[in-house]
Amino acid sequence: MIEPDNTIDEEKRLKFLKKLHLLDTPIEERFERITRIVCQALDVPIAAISLIDSERQWFKSIQGLDVSETSRKVSFCGHTILQEEVLIVPDALKDERFFDNPLVTSDPKIRFYAGCPLTLGDNFRIGSLCAIDQAPREMTDDQILLLSDLAAMVQSELNNIALTEAHSSLIHDLKEAERAALIDPLTRLWNRAGGQNLLDREWDYAVRRGTPLSVAMVDIDHFKQINDSFGHCIGDQVLQKVSETLLGSLRTFDVVSRWGGEEFLIILPGCEKRDLYLALERLMSAVQNLKMKTDIGALDTTVSIGAATIFPKSNTDVAAFIKLVDMTMYEAKEQGRNQFKVASKPDYYELAI
C-alpha cells in the first residue's frame, strides 16, 4: 500500500478547509441528493463526498456505508486531491497503491474507485466526490463527464452555504470536537443537545426580530414493535430512512435533530402557521410514500407529528413551548397515529417564564 502524500500547499489547504466550518457538521439534503444521483446514474453501491483533513477523510455525505470517517492514510480520496483530473482505479487489486489496502482486502472490499477532486478558493483541493464498486469495472467518457459535472454541483453548493444566522453561528462558535459531540452517530443529524442549542438560538433571534418560529415533534409509529419483531438493526435502518426522508422534505435552512429514541425535533425558522400546514402535509406524504428497503425487505412505516407556531416574546418560555408541541404530538398518536396535529395559538401567559 502506498499512503497518499500531502499536497504541495498542504498548510494553506488545511487552513482554508478549517475556515469553511464543514467538518463534523450534520448531513444536508443538498449533498445527500448528489451522492444518491451518483449511485443511481453510475450504478454503484457506494458514493461519497469526502473532505481530507490532516489525519482523516471525513464524509459530508456517504451512501452505501455506515461510516463518517476513515484514516487519511488508507483513503483513496487522499490520492485524488493530489491531481486535477478524475482519479480512476479500474481494479484496486491490480494497483500498487491499493492492492493491500485494508479497505480493499477487507470490508468494504473496494475494487473500483473513481474520484473527482473538489476545488475551492485559491485552487485548494479540499476533498472529492467519488463512486465506488465492489467489482472491477471501466468508465466511459460520458460517465467521467457526469461525475465531473456532479462534482461541480458540489463545489457550487459549498460556495453557497445556505444556513440561518443561528445555525451558522452554532457551527462557527464550536470547535470540530465540540460539533462532533452534538451529532447523532446513527442518523448524522444534530442530537438532542445540538437541537436544543439551535432551538435556543433561533428562539432568541425570533424574539429580537419579531418573526415567527414553528416547531414540530415527529414520532415513528409502533417503533418498539419494529425493534421487538425484527431486531434493533432493522430499527436502526428505519430511523436512518425516516431521518433522510424528513431532511429531504424541508427547506435548506430548516433543522432536523434526533430528539429521542424514535423522536425527531424539526425547527422551521420564519415559518407562519399557514406555511407550517403545507410543510407538515409534505412531510406526511413523503413518509407515507416511502418504500423503505431493509435487510428483511420492504417495510411500511408511518409517523405522528405535533407542531405549533409562535411569535416568541421576551417573557415566553421555550421549554413550555416544547412541552406544548410534545403534548400535541401525543394527541395525534391518541387520535389514531399516521397524522399531524397543530396546536391552537399558544397562550403567552401559560408560556410565560
Foldseek 3Di string as FASTA:
>chain_A
DFFFDAAPCNVVLQVVVVVLLQFLAFAALLQQVLQVCLCVVVVAQKKFWWFDHPFKIATSYMGNDLDGIDTSRLDPFSNQQNDQAKDWQQAQCPDPNRVPRCVCVDPVNWTIKIWHFQADDPRRRGTTIMGTHNHGDDDDPVSSVVRVVSSVSVNVCSVPPDADPLVVCVSVVDDSVVSNVQADSLQRFGAQVRVVSSVVSLLVVLQVVQAKKKKKKKFWPPLVVCCVVPNVQQSSLVLNQLSSLLSNLDDRHWGWYHNDDRMIMIIDRRDDPVNVVVSVVSSLVSLQPDQRQDPVGTDRIAMFMFMEMDSDHPFFAPVVVVVNRVVQSVVRVVVPGSYYDYDDYDDRVSRGD
